[in-house]
Protein backbone atom coordinates (compact mmCIF):
# COMPACT_ATOMS: atom_id res chain seq x y z
CA MET A 1 0.00 0.00 0.00
CA PHE A 2 1.39 3.39 -1.01
CA HIS A 3 1.06 6.05 1.68
CA GLY A 4 2.35 9.35 3.00
CA SER A 5 3.90 12.16 1.00
CA LEU A 6 4.51 11.22 -2.61
CA VAL A 7 5.86 13.83 -5.01
CA ALA A 8 4.70 14.52 -8.56
CA LEU A 9 8.19 15.31 -9.82
CA ILE A 10 9.05 18.30 -11.99
CA THR A 11 11.25 17.58 -15.02
CA PRO A 12 14.18 20.05 -15.07
CA PHE A 13 15.07 21.50 -18.47
CA LYS A 14 18.12 23.39 -19.65
CA ASN A 15 18.18 24.98 -23.09
CA GLY A 16 15.27 22.81 -24.21
CA LYS A 17 16.83 19.52 -23.08
CA ILE A 18 16.20 17.41 -19.98
CA ASP A 19 18.78 18.32 -17.33
CA GLU A 20 19.56 14.76 -16.29
CA GLN A 21 22.07 15.65 -13.59
CA LYS A 22 19.73 18.14 -11.91
CA PHE A 23 16.86 15.64 -12.11
CA GLN A 24 18.78 12.85 -10.42
CA SER A 25 20.13 15.23 -7.76
CA PHE A 26 16.56 16.37 -7.19
CA VAL A 27 15.38 12.77 -6.75
CA ASP A 28 18.14 12.13 -4.21
CA TRP A 29 17.25 15.30 -2.28
CA GLN A 30 13.59 14.32 -2.18
CA ILE A 31 14.38 10.94 -0.65
CA ASN A 32 16.78 12.43 1.89
CA GLU A 33 14.09 14.94 2.92
CA GLY A 34 11.63 12.15 3.74
CA THR A 35 9.46 11.80 0.64
CA ASP A 36 7.70 8.41 0.65
CA GLY A 37 7.43 7.86 -3.10
CA LEU A 38 8.23 9.40 -6.47
CA ILE A 39 6.05 9.98 -9.52
CA PRO A 40 8.00 10.83 -12.70
CA CYS A 41 6.27 11.86 -15.93
CA GLY A 42 3.01 13.13 -14.53
CA THR A 43 1.35 16.43 -15.39
CA THR A 44 3.82 18.26 -13.12
CA GLY A 45 6.63 16.55 -15.04
CA GLU A 46 5.27 18.03 -18.30
CA SER A 47 4.54 14.62 -19.76
CA PRO A 48 2.42 16.08 -22.61
CA THR A 49 5.53 17.70 -24.12
CA LEU A 50 7.95 14.82 -23.55
CA SER A 51 8.69 12.59 -26.52
CA HIS A 52 8.28 8.86 -25.98
CA LYS A 53 12.05 8.55 -25.79
CA GLU A 54 12.29 11.33 -23.20
CA HIS A 55 9.36 9.93 -21.22
CA ILE A 56 11.03 6.54 -20.93
CA ARG A 57 14.39 8.16 -20.17
CA VAL A 58 13.01 10.26 -17.30
CA THR A 59 11.40 7.20 -15.71
CA ASN A 60 14.65 5.26 -16.01
CA LEU A 61 16.67 8.14 -14.53
CA CYS A 62 14.27 8.28 -11.57
CA ILE A 63 14.47 4.53 -10.93
CA GLU A 64 18.26 4.63 -11.19
CA ALA A 65 18.63 7.56 -8.77
CA ALA A 66 16.14 6.16 -6.25
CA ALA A 67 18.01 2.84 -6.20
CA GLY A 68 15.17 1.03 -4.45
CA ARG A 69 14.98 3.43 -1.48
CA VAL A 70 11.37 4.48 -2.13
CA PRO A 71 8.69 3.23 -4.53
CA ILE A 72 8.39 4.67 -8.05
CA ILE A 73 4.94 5.19 -9.55
CA ALA A 74 5.56 6.06 -13.20
CA GLY A 75 3.12 8.24 -15.08
CA THR A 76 2.12 6.33 -18.22
CA GLY A 77 -1.29 7.72 -19.13
CA SER A 78 -2.52 8.80 -22.53
CA ASN A 79 -5.79 9.48 -24.29
CA SER A 80 -4.74 6.70 -26.67
CA THR A 81 -5.13 3.27 -25.12
CA GLU A 82 -2.40 1.91 -27.39
CA GLU A 83 0.05 4.62 -26.35
CA ALA A 84 -0.77 4.09 -22.66
CA ILE A 85 0.00 0.38 -23.08
CA LEU A 86 3.32 1.19 -24.76
CA LEU A 87 4.41 3.52 -21.93
CA THR A 88 3.12 1.17 -19.23
CA ASN A 89 4.99 -1.79 -20.72
CA SER A 90 8.15 0.28 -20.75
CA ALA A 91 7.76 1.32 -17.10
CA GLN A 92 7.12 -2.29 -16.14
CA LYS A 93 10.29 -3.44 -17.92
CA SER A 94 12.29 -0.62 -16.29
CA GLY A 95 11.32 -1.78 -12.81
CA ALA A 96 8.73 0.77 -11.67
CA ASP A 97 6.67 -0.35 -8.67
CA ALA A 98 3.38 0.85 -10.14
CA VAL A 99 2.00 3.15 -12.82
CA LEU A 100 -0.29 6.18 -12.66
CA ILE A 101 -2.72 6.31 -15.57
CA VAL A 102 -4.87 9.37 -16.15
CA THR A 103 -8.39 9.18 -17.53
CA PRO A 104 -8.35 9.80 -21.31
CA TYR A 105 -8.47 13.54 -21.96
CA TYR A 106 -9.96 15.32 -25.00
CA ASN A 107 -11.70 12.16 -26.37
CA LYS A 108 -14.46 12.46 -23.71
CA PRO A 109 -15.17 8.71 -23.41
CA THR A 110 -18.32 7.42 -21.73
CA GLN A 111 -18.11 5.52 -18.44
CA GLN A 112 -18.09 2.29 -20.46
CA GLY A 113 -15.23 3.71 -22.53
CA LEU A 114 -13.29 4.53 -19.37
CA PHE A 115 -13.87 1.01 -18.06
CA GLU A 116 -12.71 -0.61 -21.31
CA HIS A 117 -9.65 1.67 -21.52
CA PHE A 118 -8.37 0.67 -18.09
CA LYS A 119 -9.44 -2.97 -18.43
CA THR A 120 -7.55 -3.29 -21.73
CA ILE A 121 -4.38 -1.82 -20.22
CA HIS A 122 -4.80 -4.02 -17.14
CA ASN A 123 -5.14 -7.17 -19.23
CA THR A 124 -2.05 -6.34 -21.30
CA VAL A 125 0.41 -5.66 -18.45
CA LYS A 126 1.14 -7.07 -15.01
CA ILE A 127 2.17 -3.97 -13.06
CA PRO A 128 -0.10 -2.40 -10.39
CA ILE A 129 -2.20 0.47 -11.78
CA ILE A 130 -3.39 3.61 -9.99
CA ILE A 131 -6.21 5.47 -11.72
CA TYR A 132 -5.72 9.23 -11.95
CA ASN A 133 -9.09 10.99 -11.88
CA ILE A 134 -8.75 14.72 -12.59
CA PRO A 135 -11.89 16.11 -14.26
CA GLY A 136 -10.52 19.66 -14.29
CA ARG A 137 -7.87 18.71 -16.85
CA CYS A 138 -9.53 15.76 -18.59
CA ILE A 139 -13.20 16.90 -18.71
CA VAL A 140 -14.36 13.34 -17.94
CA ASP A 141 -15.03 12.30 -14.34
CA MET A 142 -14.88 8.61 -13.44
CA THR A 143 -17.93 7.79 -11.33
CA VAL A 144 -17.82 5.86 -8.07
CA GLU A 145 -19.60 2.98 -9.83
CA THR A 146 -17.01 2.75 -12.62
CA MET A 147 -14.17 2.97 -10.08
CA ALA A 148 -15.74 0.17 -8.04
CA SER A 149 -16.07 -2.03 -11.12
CA LEU A 150 -12.43 -1.47 -12.08
CA ALA A 151 -11.30 -2.15 -8.48
CA GLN A 152 -12.45 -5.75 -8.96
CA LEU A 153 -9.55 -6.26 -11.38
CA PRO A 154 -6.57 -7.55 -9.34
CA ASN A 155 -3.99 -5.04 -10.53
CA ILE A 156 -6.15 -1.92 -10.28
CA ILE A 157 -4.95 -1.01 -6.80
CA GLY A 158 -5.80 2.62 -6.14
CA VAL A 159 -6.80 6.10 -7.20
CA LYS A 160 -5.21 9.53 -7.28
CA ASP A 161 -8.28 11.64 -6.63
CA ALA A 162 -8.00 15.23 -7.87
CA THR A 163 -11.73 15.93 -7.91
CA ASN A 164 -11.58 18.20 -4.83
CA ASP A 165 -14.70 16.34 -3.71
CA LEU A 166 -14.10 15.30 -0.10
CA PHE A 167 -17.26 13.20 -0.02
CA ARG A 168 -15.88 11.05 -2.89
CA PRO A 169 -13.43 8.91 -0.85
CA LEU A 170 -16.15 7.96 1.63
CA LEU A 171 -18.59 6.99 -1.10
CA THR A 172 -15.89 5.02 -2.93
CA LYS A 173 -14.77 3.21 0.22
CA LYS A 174 -18.35 2.09 0.80
CA ARG A 175 -18.37 0.47 -2.64
CA ILE A 176 -14.84 -0.99 -2.66
CA LYS A 177 -14.30 -3.59 0.02
CA ASN A 178 -10.83 -4.78 -0.96
CA ASN A 179 -7.45 -3.24 -0.11
CA PHE A 180 -7.64 -0.13 -2.29
CA CYS A 181 -5.23 2.81 -2.05
CA PHE A 182 -6.71 6.32 -1.80
CA LEU A 183 -4.30 9.13 -2.66
CA SER A 184 -5.24 12.79 -2.83
CA GLY A 185 -4.16 14.81 -5.85
CA GLU A 186 -4.92 18.17 -4.23
CA ASP A 187 -2.37 19.64 -1.82
CA GLY A 188 -4.81 22.12 -0.29
CA THR A 189 -7.20 19.37 0.87
CA ALA A 190 -4.64 16.65 1.61
CA LEU A 191 -5.22 16.67 5.37
CA ALA A 192 -9.00 16.67 4.96
CA PHE A 193 -8.64 13.77 2.51
CA LEU A 194 -6.68 11.79 5.12
CA ALA A 195 -9.51 12.42 7.59
CA GLN A 196 -11.96 10.98 5.03
CA GLY A 197 -10.00 7.73 4.85
CA GLY A 198 -7.15 8.59 2.50
CA HIS A 199 -3.68 7.06 2.68
CA GLY A 200 -1.53 9.86 1.30
CA CYS A 201 -1.09 12.62 -1.23
CA ILE A 202 0.60 12.86 -4.63
CA SER A 203 1.87 16.37 -4.13
CA VAL A 204 3.08 19.31 -6.20
CA THR A 205 4.10 21.30 -3.12
CA ALA A 206 6.43 18.49 -2.01
CA ASN A 207 8.72 19.52 -4.88
CA ILE A 208 9.56 22.61 -2.81
CA VAL A 209 9.08 21.60 0.84
CA PRO A 210 9.42 17.80 0.91
CA LYS A 211 10.25 17.66 4.62
CA LEU A 212 7.25 19.73 5.70
CA CYS A 213 4.95 17.61 3.53
CA SER A 214 6.49 14.45 4.92
CA ASP A 215 6.18 15.74 8.50
CA LEU A 216 2.47 16.40 7.98
CA HIS A 217 1.84 12.78 6.98
CA TYR A 218 4.14 11.42 9.68
CA SER A 219 2.26 13.47 12.29
CA TRP A 220 -1.06 12.16 10.97
CA GLN A 221 0.16 8.57 11.15
CA ASN A 222 1.24 9.20 14.76
CA ASN A 223 -2.06 10.86 15.76
CA ASP A 224 -0.44 14.23 16.40
CA LEU A 225 -3.38 16.23 15.06
CA MET A 226 -2.21 19.53 16.49
CA LYS A 227 1.07 19.34 14.59
CA CYS A 228 -0.82 18.30 11.43
CA GLN A 229 -2.97 21.40 11.69
CA GLN A 230 0.03 23.64 12.34
CA ILE A 231 1.87 22.35 9.26
CA ASN A 232 -1.29 22.50 7.16
CA LEU A 233 -1.82 26.16 8.07
CA LYS A 234 1.85 26.93 7.46
CA LEU A 235 1.67 25.50 3.94
CA ALA A 236 -1.66 27.05 2.92
CA GLU A 237 -0.33 30.11 1.09
CA LEU A 238 2.39 28.11 -0.67
CA HIS A 239 -0.19 25.58 -1.88
CA ASN A 240 -2.25 28.44 -3.27
CA SER A 241 0.67 30.25 -4.91
CA LEU A 242 1.74 27.16 -6.86
CA PHE A 243 -1.58 27.07 -8.70
CA VAL A 244 -2.20 30.76 -9.41
CA GLU A 245 -1.05 29.95 -12.96
CA SER A 246 -0.90 26.67 -14.83
CA SER A 247 1.27 24.13 -13.06
CA PRO A 248 4.19 23.50 -13.22
CA GLY A 249 5.04 27.13 -14.05
CA PRO A 250 4.93 28.44 -10.46
CA VAL A 251 6.52 25.36 -8.87
CA LYS A 252 9.39 25.46 -11.35
CA TYR A 253 9.96 29.13 -10.55
CA ALA A 254 10.04 28.25 -6.83
CA ALA A 255 12.53 25.47 -7.60
CA GLU A 256 14.72 27.98 -9.43
CA LEU A 257 14.68 30.30 -6.41
CA LEU A 258 15.92 27.35 -4.33
CA ASN A 259 18.67 26.63 -6.92
CA LEU A 260 17.18 23.19 -7.63
CA CYS A 261 16.80 23.72 -11.39
CA THR A 262 15.82 26.37 -13.91
CA ALA A 263 12.25 27.62 -14.23
CA GLU A 264 12.25 26.59 -17.89
CA THR A 265 9.08 24.99 -19.24
CA ARG A 266 8.05 23.90 -22.72
CA LEU A 267 5.45 25.55 -24.90
CA PRO A 268 2.55 25.98 -24.70
CA LEU A 269 3.53 26.79 -21.08
CA VAL A 270 5.25 30.16 -20.75
CA PRO A 271 7.11 31.97 -17.94
CA ILE A 272 4.79 33.06 -15.15
CA LYS A 273 3.78 36.70 -14.67
CA ASP A 274 5.79 39.06 -12.48
CA GLU A 275 2.99 39.31 -9.91
CA THR A 276 2.90 35.51 -9.63
CA LYS A 277 6.68 35.45 -9.19
CA LYS A 278 6.34 37.93 -6.34
CA TYR A 279 3.62 35.86 -4.66
CA VAL A 280 5.67 32.65 -4.92
CA LYS A 281 8.82 34.39 -3.68
CA ASP A 282 6.99 35.97 -0.74
CA CYS A 283 5.72 32.52 0.29
CA LEU A 284 9.24 31.13 0.27
CA VAL A 285 10.51 34.09 2.29
CA ASN A 286 7.72 33.63 4.85
CA LEU A 287 8.68 29.97 5.19
CA GLU A 288 12.32 31.05 5.63
CA LEU A 289 13.40 29.00 2.63
CA ILE A 290 15.18 31.94 1.01
């Protein structure tokens, strides 16, 4: 069972290329700071603008740098079932512990289409699959009923829930009786999600403050609710600042301020506005990070 603070990794770029050295140093830093698991090639990792070769390379670099110290959940989703199978097979061969597969975007499949998409991938590979449900980016929203049906397949083992619906985990838990992993995909409601039966969070903010994010989950696991609330309040403005513009623009700028990598993104993402930069920088100053 995956749990705790898991990070949706940024992909550092330098002059249009993947900065492999910075990426592997970043992975090492994350683990040393207490992060419980790593997710390369998700939305935060700019997977839509990575070539297949780059996508596979980033996953391999992550696995190599982690060296078995924490689990790797590789992003392998696509709105093409065939492409998702290709990327999932590659992650499986590379040694990832699981894969994160987003609901097909743009195509707008029906619930039956969603079921068949994930079932087909499941039947083609042998690696554990976590469903990524994020209606805000994909338009489609997997219903509790479809999720429950997919959970009957042995290698569909969890969900990254980015619906911002805190009633959803309770309703889903009522329908899924087996050992199913509930991970939040929303930093701002991560603590509330834990209270509703969640096991952890796949976090953007953990790119910048991995120890604080880890401490929040550790405190929750040890029933120190007062410390959880203190950390949650401390992180609130940072959570908000990292989503004022399209992610990962703000989080990459924050990473640049911390000398972790450049703020470079790929089109159609562009550098964030000056007022956003100020907001992000002020948050880091208030947290005494810079």
